[in-house]
N, C-alpha and C. Protein backbone atom coordinates (compact mmCIF):
# COMPACT_ATOMS: atom_id res chain seq x y z
N MET A 1 60.32 117.77 64.63
CA MET A 1 61.34 116.76 64.81
C MET A 1 62.69 117.47 64.84
N ASN A 2 63.58 117.06 65.75
CA ASN A 2 64.87 117.72 65.92
C ASN A 2 65.99 116.78 65.55
N ASP A 3 67.15 117.40 65.23
CA ASP A 3 68.33 116.59 64.96
C ASP A 3 69.02 116.25 66.27
N ASP A 4 70.23 115.67 66.19
CA ASP A 4 70.92 115.25 67.41
C ASP A 4 71.43 116.41 68.25
N LYS A 5 71.49 117.62 67.71
CA LYS A 5 71.92 118.80 68.46
C LYS A 5 70.73 119.61 68.98
N GLY A 6 69.51 119.15 68.76
CA GLY A 6 68.33 119.83 69.25
C GLY A 6 67.75 120.87 68.32
N ARG A 7 68.34 121.04 67.13
CA ARG A 7 67.82 122.01 66.16
C ARG A 7 66.69 121.38 65.36
N PRO A 8 65.69 122.17 64.98
CA PRO A 8 64.64 121.63 64.10
C PRO A 8 65.26 121.17 62.79
N LEU A 9 64.70 120.12 62.21
CA LEU A 9 65.27 119.55 60.99
C LEU A 9 65.23 120.50 59.81
N ASP A 10 64.27 121.42 59.78
CA ASP A 10 64.22 122.33 58.65
C ASP A 10 65.34 123.36 58.69
N GLN A 11 66.10 123.45 59.79
CA GLN A 11 67.21 124.38 59.89
C GLN A 11 68.56 123.70 59.69
N VAL A 12 68.57 122.40 59.44
CA VAL A 12 69.82 121.69 59.23
C VAL A 12 70.31 121.97 57.83
N THR A 13 71.55 122.36 57.71
CA THR A 13 72.15 122.65 56.41
C THR A 13 73.09 121.51 56.05
N PRO A 14 73.47 121.41 54.76
CA PRO A 14 74.42 120.36 54.39
C PRO A 14 75.75 120.50 55.13
N ALA A 15 76.19 121.75 55.40
CA ALA A 15 77.45 121.92 56.11
C ALA A 15 77.32 121.42 57.55
N ALA A 16 76.15 121.57 58.16
CA ALA A 16 75.95 121.12 59.54
C ALA A 16 75.92 119.61 59.64
N THR A 17 75.60 118.93 58.57
CA THR A 17 75.56 117.46 58.61
C THR A 17 76.91 116.86 58.28
N GLY A 18 77.87 117.69 57.86
CA GLY A 18 79.18 117.17 57.51
C GLY A 18 79.22 116.57 56.13
N ARG A 19 78.23 116.82 55.31
CA ARG A 19 78.18 116.25 53.96
C ARG A 19 78.64 117.29 52.96
N ASP A 20 79.01 116.81 51.83
CA ASP A 20 79.45 117.68 50.75
C ASP A 20 78.28 118.49 50.24
N PRO A 21 78.42 119.82 50.12
CA PRO A 21 77.30 120.62 49.59
C PRO A 21 76.92 120.22 48.17
N ALA A 22 77.84 119.60 47.42
CA ALA A 22 77.49 119.16 46.06
C ALA A 22 76.47 118.03 46.11
N ALA A 23 76.44 117.33 47.23
CA ALA A 23 75.47 116.26 47.39
C ALA A 23 74.25 116.76 48.16
N GLY A 24 73.97 118.02 48.06
CA GLY A 24 72.86 118.63 48.80
C GLY A 24 71.52 118.03 48.47
N SER A 25 71.36 117.55 47.23
CA SER A 25 70.07 116.98 46.88
C SER A 25 69.78 115.73 47.70
N VAL A 26 70.82 114.96 48.03
CA VAL A 26 70.64 113.78 48.85
C VAL A 26 70.22 114.19 50.26
N VAL A 27 70.88 115.24 50.78
CA VAL A 27 70.56 115.71 52.12
C VAL A 27 69.14 116.25 52.16
N HIS A 28 68.78 117.07 51.17
CA HIS A 28 67.44 117.64 51.15
C HIS A 28 66.38 116.56 50.94
N ALA A 29 66.71 115.55 50.15
CA ALA A 29 65.74 114.47 49.95
C ALA A 29 65.54 113.69 51.25
N ALA A 30 66.62 113.53 52.02
CA ALA A 30 66.50 112.80 53.27
C ALA A 30 65.73 113.60 54.31
N LEU A 31 65.81 114.93 54.24
CA LEU A 31 65.14 115.78 55.22
C LEU A 31 63.80 116.28 54.74
N ASP A 32 63.38 115.85 53.56
CA ASP A 32 62.10 116.31 53.02
C ASP A 32 60.96 115.80 53.88
N PRO A 33 60.12 116.70 54.42
CA PRO A 33 59.05 116.24 55.31
C PRO A 33 57.88 115.59 54.59
N THR A 34 57.79 115.72 53.27
CA THR A 34 56.66 115.09 52.57
C THR A 34 56.90 113.58 52.53
N PRO A 35 55.92 112.82 52.95
CA PRO A 35 56.12 111.36 52.96
C PRO A 35 56.13 110.80 51.55
N ALA A 36 56.86 109.71 51.40
CA ALA A 36 56.90 109.02 50.11
C ALA A 36 55.53 108.38 49.88
N PRO A 37 55.12 108.29 48.61
CA PRO A 37 53.82 107.65 48.36
C PRO A 37 53.85 106.18 48.80
N ALA A 38 52.72 105.73 49.26
CA ALA A 38 52.62 104.34 49.71
C ALA A 38 52.80 103.41 48.52
N PRO A 39 53.52 102.30 48.70
CA PRO A 39 53.70 101.38 47.59
C PRO A 39 52.37 100.76 47.16
N ARG A 40 52.27 100.54 45.88
CA ARG A 40 51.06 99.97 45.30
C ARG A 40 51.03 98.47 45.58
N TRP A 41 49.91 98.02 46.14
CA TRP A 41 49.75 96.59 46.42
C TRP A 41 49.25 95.89 45.17
N VAL A 42 49.82 94.73 44.90
CA VAL A 42 49.41 93.92 43.77
C VAL A 42 48.85 92.60 44.31
N PHE A 43 48.36 91.79 43.43
CA PHE A 43 47.74 90.52 43.80
C PHE A 43 48.66 89.67 44.68
N GLU A 44 49.94 89.61 44.32
CA GLU A 44 50.89 88.78 45.06
C GLU A 44 51.01 89.23 46.51
N ASP A 45 50.91 90.54 46.74
CA ASP A 45 51.03 91.04 48.10
C ASP A 45 49.88 90.57 48.98
N HIS A 46 48.69 90.55 48.43
CA HIS A 46 47.54 90.08 49.19
C HIS A 46 47.65 88.58 49.52
N VAL A 47 48.11 87.81 48.54
CA VAL A 47 48.30 86.38 48.77
C VAL A 47 49.40 86.17 49.81
N ALA A 48 50.51 86.93 49.70
CA ALA A 48 51.60 86.79 50.67
C ALA A 48 51.15 87.18 52.07
N LEU A 49 50.31 88.19 52.19
CA LEU A 49 49.79 88.56 53.50
C LEU A 49 48.95 87.44 54.09
N GLY A 50 48.13 86.80 53.27
CA GLY A 50 47.34 85.66 53.75
C GLY A 50 48.22 84.51 54.19
N VAL A 51 49.29 84.24 53.43
CA VAL A 51 50.21 83.17 53.80
C VAL A 51 50.94 83.53 55.09
N LEU A 52 51.30 84.81 55.25
CA LEU A 52 51.98 85.25 56.47
C LEU A 52 51.08 85.09 57.69
N ILE A 53 49.82 85.44 57.57
CA ILE A 53 48.88 85.28 58.68
C ILE A 53 48.71 83.79 59.01
N LEU A 54 48.58 82.97 57.99
CA LEU A 54 48.47 81.53 58.21
C LEU A 54 49.73 80.97 58.86
N LEU A 55 50.90 81.44 58.42
CA LEU A 55 52.16 81.00 59.01
C LEU A 55 52.24 81.42 60.47
N GLY A 56 51.82 82.63 60.78
CA GLY A 56 51.82 83.07 62.17
C GLY A 56 50.91 82.22 63.03
N GLY A 57 49.74 81.85 62.50
CA GLY A 57 48.84 80.99 63.25
C GLY A 57 49.42 79.61 63.49
N VAL A 58 50.07 79.04 62.49
CA VAL A 58 50.67 77.71 62.64
C VAL A 58 51.81 77.74 63.65
N VAL A 59 52.66 78.77 63.57
CA VAL A 59 53.78 78.87 64.52
C VAL A 59 53.25 79.10 65.94
N PHE A 60 52.21 79.92 66.08
CA PHE A 60 51.63 80.14 67.40
C PHE A 60 51.03 78.85 67.95
N ALA A 61 50.34 78.08 67.11
CA ALA A 61 49.79 76.80 67.55
C ALA A 61 50.90 75.84 67.97
N GLN A 62 52.00 75.88 67.24
CA GLN A 62 53.14 75.04 67.58
C GLN A 62 53.72 75.45 68.93
N PHE A 63 53.90 76.74 69.14
CA PHE A 63 54.42 77.25 70.41
C PHE A 63 53.49 76.91 71.56
N LEU A 64 52.21 77.17 71.38
CA LEU A 64 51.23 76.93 72.44
C LEU A 64 51.15 75.45 72.81
N SER A 65 51.12 74.60 71.80
CA SER A 65 51.00 73.17 72.09
C SER A 65 52.27 72.63 72.73
N ARG A 66 53.42 73.13 72.34
CA ARG A 66 54.67 72.59 72.86
C ARG A 66 54.95 73.09 74.27
N TYR A 67 54.78 74.38 74.51
CA TYR A 67 55.20 74.93 75.79
C TYR A 67 54.06 75.07 76.80
N ALA A 68 52.84 75.24 76.35
CA ALA A 68 51.74 75.37 77.30
C ALA A 68 51.14 74.01 77.65
N PHE A 69 51.01 73.13 76.65
CA PHE A 69 50.38 71.84 76.89
C PHE A 69 51.37 70.68 76.95
N ASN A 70 52.64 70.98 76.68
CA ASN A 70 53.71 69.97 76.72
C ASN A 70 53.42 68.80 75.79
N HIS A 71 52.76 69.09 74.69
CA HIS A 71 52.47 68.07 73.68
C HIS A 71 52.49 68.75 72.32
N SER A 72 53.46 68.43 71.51
CA SER A 72 53.63 69.10 70.23
C SER A 72 52.68 68.54 69.18
N ILE A 73 52.12 69.44 68.38
CA ILE A 73 51.30 69.02 67.24
C ILE A 73 52.27 68.59 66.14
N GLY A 74 52.10 67.44 65.60
CA GLY A 74 53.08 66.86 64.69
C GLY A 74 53.27 67.58 63.37
N TRP A 75 52.24 68.12 62.80
CA TRP A 75 52.33 68.65 61.45
C TRP A 75 52.79 70.12 61.41
N THR A 76 52.90 70.78 62.55
CA THR A 76 53.20 72.22 62.52
C THR A 76 54.60 72.52 62.02
N GLU A 77 55.57 71.67 62.32
CA GLU A 77 56.95 71.90 61.83
C GLU A 77 56.99 71.93 60.31
N GLU A 78 56.46 70.89 59.71
CA GLU A 78 56.48 70.78 58.25
C GLU A 78 55.58 71.83 57.61
N GLY A 79 54.43 72.07 58.21
CA GLY A 79 53.53 73.09 57.68
C GLY A 79 54.14 74.48 57.70
N ALA A 80 54.81 74.83 58.80
CA ALA A 80 55.46 76.14 58.89
C ALA A 80 56.59 76.26 57.88
N ARG A 81 57.33 75.19 57.69
CA ARG A 81 58.44 75.22 56.72
C ARG A 81 57.92 75.43 55.29
N MET A 82 56.86 74.73 54.93
CA MET A 82 56.31 74.88 53.59
C MET A 82 55.66 76.26 53.39
N LEU A 83 54.99 76.76 54.41
CA LEU A 83 54.40 78.09 54.30
C LEU A 83 55.48 79.16 54.18
N LEU A 84 56.60 78.97 54.86
CA LEU A 84 57.70 79.94 54.74
C LEU A 84 58.29 79.93 53.33
N VAL A 85 58.42 78.76 52.74
CA VAL A 85 58.91 78.67 51.36
C VAL A 85 57.94 79.41 50.42
N LEU A 86 56.65 79.17 50.58
CA LEU A 86 55.67 79.85 49.74
C LEU A 86 55.69 81.35 49.96
N LEU A 87 55.84 81.77 51.21
CA LEU A 87 55.89 83.20 51.51
C LEU A 87 57.07 83.88 50.83
N VAL A 88 58.21 83.22 50.81
CA VAL A 88 59.39 83.80 50.18
C VAL A 88 59.16 84.01 48.68
N PHE A 89 58.67 83.00 48.00
CA PHE A 89 58.52 83.11 46.56
C PHE A 89 57.36 84.02 46.15
N ILE A 90 56.27 83.97 46.87
CA ILE A 90 55.15 84.86 46.55
C ILE A 90 55.51 86.30 46.89
N GLY A 91 56.21 86.50 48.00
CA GLY A 91 56.66 87.84 48.36
C GLY A 91 57.68 88.39 47.38
N ALA A 92 58.54 87.53 46.85
CA ALA A 92 59.51 87.97 45.85
C ALA A 92 58.82 88.42 44.57
N ALA A 93 57.73 87.77 44.22
CA ALA A 93 56.97 88.19 43.04
C ALA A 93 56.35 89.57 43.29
N GLY A 94 55.87 89.81 44.50
CA GLY A 94 55.32 91.13 44.83
C GLY A 94 56.40 92.19 44.83
N ALA A 95 57.58 91.86 45.32
CA ALA A 95 58.68 92.83 45.31
C ALA A 95 59.12 93.15 43.89
N ALA A 96 59.04 92.19 42.99
CA ALA A 96 59.42 92.43 41.60
C ALA A 96 58.50 93.45 40.94
N SER A 97 57.25 93.48 41.36
CA SER A 97 56.32 94.43 40.75
C SER A 97 56.64 95.87 41.14
N ARG A 98 57.36 96.06 42.25
CA ARG A 98 57.76 97.40 42.70
C ARG A 98 59.23 97.68 42.46
N GLN A 99 59.90 96.83 41.71
CA GLN A 99 61.33 96.92 41.46
C GLN A 99 62.09 96.94 42.79
N GLY A 100 61.70 96.05 43.68
CA GLY A 100 62.27 96.02 45.01
C GLY A 100 63.45 95.08 45.18
N HIS A 101 63.87 94.39 44.12
CA HIS A 101 65.00 93.48 44.23
C HIS A 101 66.30 94.25 44.10
N ILE A 102 67.32 93.78 44.78
CA ILE A 102 68.62 94.44 44.72
C ILE A 102 69.31 94.09 43.40
N TYR A 103 70.19 94.95 42.96
CA TYR A 103 70.97 94.70 41.76
C TYR A 103 72.21 95.58 41.78
N VAL A 104 73.20 95.21 40.99
CA VAL A 104 74.43 95.97 40.90
C VAL A 104 74.21 97.08 39.88
N GLU A 105 74.44 98.31 40.30
CA GLU A 105 74.14 99.43 39.42
C GLU A 105 75.37 100.26 39.06
N ILE A 106 76.55 99.65 39.11
CA ILE A 106 77.77 100.41 38.85
C ILE A 106 77.82 100.92 37.41
N LEU A 107 77.35 100.11 36.46
CA LEU A 107 77.35 100.58 35.07
C LEU A 107 76.33 101.69 34.84
N GLU A 108 75.23 101.64 35.57
CA GLU A 108 74.21 102.68 35.42
C GLU A 108 74.72 104.05 35.83
N LEU A 109 75.68 104.07 36.74
CA LEU A 109 76.21 105.35 37.23
C LEU A 109 77.09 106.04 36.20
N VAL A 110 77.68 105.29 35.28
CA VAL A 110 78.60 105.89 34.32
C VAL A 110 78.03 105.99 32.91
N LEU A 111 76.93 105.33 32.64
CA LEU A 111 76.35 105.36 31.30
C LEU A 111 75.43 106.56 31.11
N PRO A 112 75.36 107.07 29.88
CA PRO A 112 74.39 108.15 29.61
C PRO A 112 72.95 107.61 29.65
N GLY A 113 71.98 108.51 29.61
CA GLY A 113 70.58 108.19 29.81
C GLY A 113 70.03 107.08 28.93
N ARG A 114 70.24 107.17 27.61
CA ARG A 114 69.66 106.17 26.71
C ARG A 114 70.29 104.79 26.92
N ALA A 115 71.62 104.76 27.08
CA ALA A 115 72.30 103.48 27.31
C ALA A 115 71.90 102.90 28.66
N LYS A 116 71.69 103.76 29.65
CA LYS A 116 71.25 103.30 30.96
C LYS A 116 69.87 102.65 30.87
N ARG A 117 69.01 103.27 30.09
CA ARG A 117 67.65 102.74 29.92
C ARG A 117 67.70 101.37 29.24
N TRP A 118 68.55 101.22 28.21
CA TRP A 118 68.67 99.95 27.51
C TRP A 118 69.29 98.88 28.42
N LEU A 119 70.26 99.28 29.23
CA LEU A 119 70.87 98.33 30.16
C LEU A 119 69.85 97.84 31.19
N LYS A 120 69.05 98.76 31.72
CA LYS A 120 68.00 98.35 32.67
C LYS A 120 67.01 97.40 32.01
N GLY A 121 66.62 97.71 30.78
CA GLY A 121 65.70 96.83 30.06
C GLY A 121 66.30 95.46 29.83
N PHE A 122 67.58 95.43 29.42
CA PHE A 122 68.26 94.15 29.20
C PHE A 122 68.35 93.35 30.49
N ASN A 123 68.71 94.02 31.59
CA ASN A 123 68.82 93.33 32.88
C ASN A 123 67.48 92.75 33.32
N HIS A 124 66.41 93.52 33.13
CA HIS A 124 65.09 93.03 33.51
C HIS A 124 64.68 91.83 32.65
N LEU A 125 64.94 91.91 31.35
CA LEU A 125 64.57 90.80 30.48
C LEU A 125 65.43 89.56 30.73
N LEU A 126 66.71 89.77 31.03
CA LEU A 126 67.58 88.64 31.37
C LEU A 126 67.10 87.97 32.66
N SER A 127 66.74 88.77 33.65
CA SER A 127 66.21 88.23 34.90
C SER A 127 64.89 87.50 34.66
N ALA A 128 64.05 88.06 33.80
CA ALA A 128 62.77 87.42 33.48
C ALA A 128 63.01 86.06 32.84
N GLY A 129 63.97 85.98 31.93
CA GLY A 129 64.30 84.70 31.31
C GLY A 129 64.80 83.69 32.33
N PHE A 130 65.64 84.15 33.25
CA PHE A 130 66.15 83.26 34.29
C PHE A 130 65.01 82.74 35.16
N PHE A 131 64.12 83.63 35.60
CA PHE A 131 63.03 83.18 36.48
C PHE A 131 62.04 82.30 35.73
N ALA A 132 61.84 82.53 34.44
CA ALA A 132 60.97 81.65 33.66
C ALA A 132 61.59 80.25 33.55
N TYR A 133 62.90 80.20 33.37
CA TYR A 133 63.58 78.90 33.31
C TYR A 133 63.49 78.17 34.65
N VAL A 134 63.70 78.88 35.75
CA VAL A 134 63.60 78.25 37.07
C VAL A 134 62.16 77.81 37.33
N ALA A 135 61.19 78.57 36.84
CA ALA A 135 59.78 78.17 36.98
C ALA A 135 59.53 76.87 36.22
N TRP A 136 60.10 76.75 35.05
CA TRP A 136 59.95 75.51 34.28
C TRP A 136 60.58 74.34 35.03
N LEU A 137 61.75 74.57 35.63
CA LEU A 137 62.40 73.51 36.41
C LEU A 137 61.55 73.12 37.62
N ALA A 138 60.98 74.13 38.31
CA ALA A 138 60.12 73.84 39.47
C ALA A 138 58.89 73.06 39.03
N TRP A 139 58.36 73.39 37.87
CA TRP A 139 57.21 72.65 37.35
C TRP A 139 57.58 71.19 37.08
N GLN A 140 58.76 70.98 36.49
CA GLN A 140 59.21 69.62 36.20
C GLN A 140 59.37 68.81 37.49
N VAL A 141 59.97 69.42 38.51
CA VAL A 141 60.14 68.72 39.79
C VAL A 141 58.78 68.44 40.41
N GLY A 142 57.86 69.41 40.32
CA GLY A 142 56.52 69.21 40.86
C GLY A 142 55.80 68.04 40.21
N GLN A 143 56.00 67.86 38.90
CA GLN A 143 55.37 66.75 38.21
C GLN A 143 55.97 65.40 38.65
N ARG A 144 57.28 65.41 38.93
CA ARG A 144 57.93 64.16 39.33
C ARG A 144 57.55 63.73 40.75
N VAL A 145 57.29 64.69 41.63
CA VAL A 145 57.00 64.33 43.02
C VAL A 145 55.51 64.43 43.33
N TRP A 146 54.68 64.52 42.30
CA TRP A 146 53.25 64.73 42.52
C TRP A 146 52.61 63.60 43.33
N ASN A 147 53.06 62.40 43.14
CA ASN A 147 52.44 61.25 43.81
C ASN A 147 52.98 61.00 45.21
N SER A 148 53.97 61.76 45.64
CA SER A 148 54.46 61.58 47.01
C SER A 148 53.92 62.71 47.89
N SER A 149 53.50 62.33 49.07
CA SER A 149 52.94 63.34 49.98
C SER A 149 53.96 63.68 51.05
N MET A 150 53.67 64.78 51.74
CA MET A 150 54.55 65.19 52.84
C MET A 150 54.47 64.17 53.95
N SER A 151 55.48 64.17 54.82
CA SER A 151 55.55 63.12 55.83
C SER A 151 54.47 63.25 56.90
N THR A 152 54.05 64.46 57.24
CA THR A 152 53.05 64.61 58.30
C THR A 152 51.73 65.19 57.82
N LEU A 153 51.70 65.71 56.62
CA LEU A 153 50.47 66.30 56.08
C LEU A 153 50.02 65.51 54.86
N PRO A 154 48.72 65.32 54.68
CA PRO A 154 48.24 64.57 53.51
C PRO A 154 48.13 65.46 52.27
N ILE A 155 49.20 66.19 51.99
CA ILE A 155 49.24 67.10 50.84
C ILE A 155 50.38 66.66 49.94
N SER A 156 50.13 66.68 48.64
CA SER A 156 51.17 66.30 47.68
C SER A 156 52.28 67.35 47.66
N LYS A 157 53.52 66.86 47.56
CA LYS A 157 54.65 67.78 47.43
C LYS A 157 54.59 68.56 46.12
N GLY A 158 53.89 68.02 45.16
CA GLY A 158 53.76 68.69 43.87
C GLY A 158 53.06 70.03 43.97
N TRP A 159 52.13 70.17 44.94
CA TRP A 159 51.44 71.45 45.11
C TRP A 159 52.41 72.57 45.49
N ILE A 160 53.37 72.28 46.34
CA ILE A 160 54.34 73.29 46.75
C ILE A 160 55.15 73.75 45.55
N TYR A 161 55.66 72.79 44.76
CA TYR A 161 56.46 73.14 43.59
C TYR A 161 55.63 73.86 42.53
N THR A 162 54.37 73.51 42.41
CA THR A 162 53.51 74.17 41.44
C THR A 162 53.26 75.62 41.83
N ILE A 163 53.03 75.88 43.11
CA ILE A 163 52.82 77.25 43.56
C ILE A 163 54.10 78.06 43.43
N VAL A 164 55.24 77.44 43.73
CA VAL A 164 56.53 78.13 43.54
C VAL A 164 56.74 78.45 42.06
N ALA A 165 56.40 77.52 41.18
CA ALA A 165 56.54 77.77 39.74
C ALA A 165 55.63 78.91 39.29
N ALA A 166 54.41 78.95 39.81
CA ALA A 166 53.49 80.04 39.46
C ALA A 166 54.02 81.38 39.95
N ALA A 167 54.58 81.42 41.17
CA ALA A 167 55.14 82.67 41.69
C ALA A 167 56.35 83.11 40.86
N LEU A 168 57.17 82.16 40.44
CA LEU A 168 58.32 82.49 39.59
C LEU A 168 57.88 83.00 38.22
N LEU A 169 56.83 82.39 37.67
CA LEU A 169 56.30 82.89 36.39
C LEU A 169 55.74 84.30 36.53
N LEU A 170 55.07 84.57 37.64
CA LEU A 170 54.55 85.91 37.89
C LEU A 170 55.69 86.91 38.02
N MET A 171 56.77 86.50 38.68
CA MET A 171 57.94 87.37 38.80
C MET A 171 58.57 87.60 37.43
N ALA A 172 58.66 86.57 36.62
CA ALA A 172 59.20 86.71 35.27
C ALA A 172 58.34 87.65 34.44
N TYR A 173 57.03 87.52 34.56
CA TYR A 173 56.11 88.41 33.83
C TYR A 173 56.32 89.86 34.24
N ARG A 174 56.39 90.12 35.55
CA ARG A 174 56.57 91.50 36.02
C ARG A 174 57.89 92.08 35.52
N LEU A 175 58.96 91.28 35.59
CA LEU A 175 60.26 91.78 35.15
C LEU A 175 60.31 91.98 33.64
N ALA A 176 59.70 91.10 32.88
CA ALA A 176 59.67 91.27 31.42
C ALA A 176 58.89 92.53 31.04
N ARG A 177 57.81 92.75 31.72
CA ARG A 177 57.00 93.95 31.46
C ARG A 177 57.80 95.23 31.77
N GLN A 178 58.53 95.20 32.89
CA GLN A 178 59.35 96.36 33.24
C GLN A 178 60.48 96.55 32.23
N GLY A 179 61.08 95.45 31.78
CA GLY A 179 62.15 95.57 30.79
C GLY A 179 61.66 96.17 29.49
N ILE A 180 60.48 95.76 29.04
CA ILE A 180 59.91 96.32 27.81
C ILE A 180 59.60 97.80 28.01
N HIS A 181 59.08 98.16 29.17
CA HIS A 181 58.81 99.57 29.46
C HIS A 181 60.09 100.39 29.45
N HIS A 182 61.17 99.84 29.98
CA HIS A 182 62.45 100.57 29.96
C HIS A 182 62.92 100.76 28.52
N TRP A 183 62.81 99.75 27.69
CA TRP A 183 63.25 99.87 26.31
C TRP A 183 62.40 100.86 25.54
N ARG A 184 61.12 100.93 25.84
CA ARG A 184 60.26 101.90 25.16
C ARG A 184 60.44 103.32 25.68
N GLY A 185 61.04 103.45 26.87
CA GLY A 185 61.20 104.77 27.47
C GLY A 185 60.03 105.16 28.35
N ASP A 186 59.10 104.22 28.59
CA ASP A 186 57.97 104.49 29.48
C ASP A 186 58.42 104.31 30.92
N THR A 187 57.60 104.80 31.82
CA THR A 187 57.85 104.53 33.23
C THR A 187 57.20 103.21 33.57
N PRO A 188 57.98 102.22 34.05
CA PRO A 188 57.37 100.94 34.38
C PRO A 188 56.38 101.08 35.52
N SER A 189 55.27 100.36 35.40
CA SER A 189 54.27 100.41 36.47
C SER A 189 54.05 99.06 37.07
């Protein structure tokens, strides 16, 4: 693989990239030919993949029926919308298991190692508490709308809120576990 000047990447130096040599570790990490390990798949990822495949099928059926047959299937709009909501929350739970959520890390850059570890643990536990609270709220809403069904599908709206609450609880569990690992000084898994 070559850079923009045609030189092999293993011959690119920090000075040739215009970067500060003090930040050489960043340059070498970016040019390191060893691939990063593949992310570990958890239960939520498999469920999210299934929901994504189902969502793709529903959207394709909607497209095919509307543009090829000039007759839209009525339930595909609502079904695709609900599947997208489920995909977001289940996928967010999977991202939490890999510490894939964004966060502000300005304090981490200036704190020493032990304080940084405690701050990460506190942030993870605070986030876990927030997501557990939102899961409880989603559960409450699901109980209130359990007897009403969607407008085009014979499915209770309570099922959507219940699955969202379960995904939020799973996210809270993953974040709480990571926060405890940070406080203990272990590597979160």
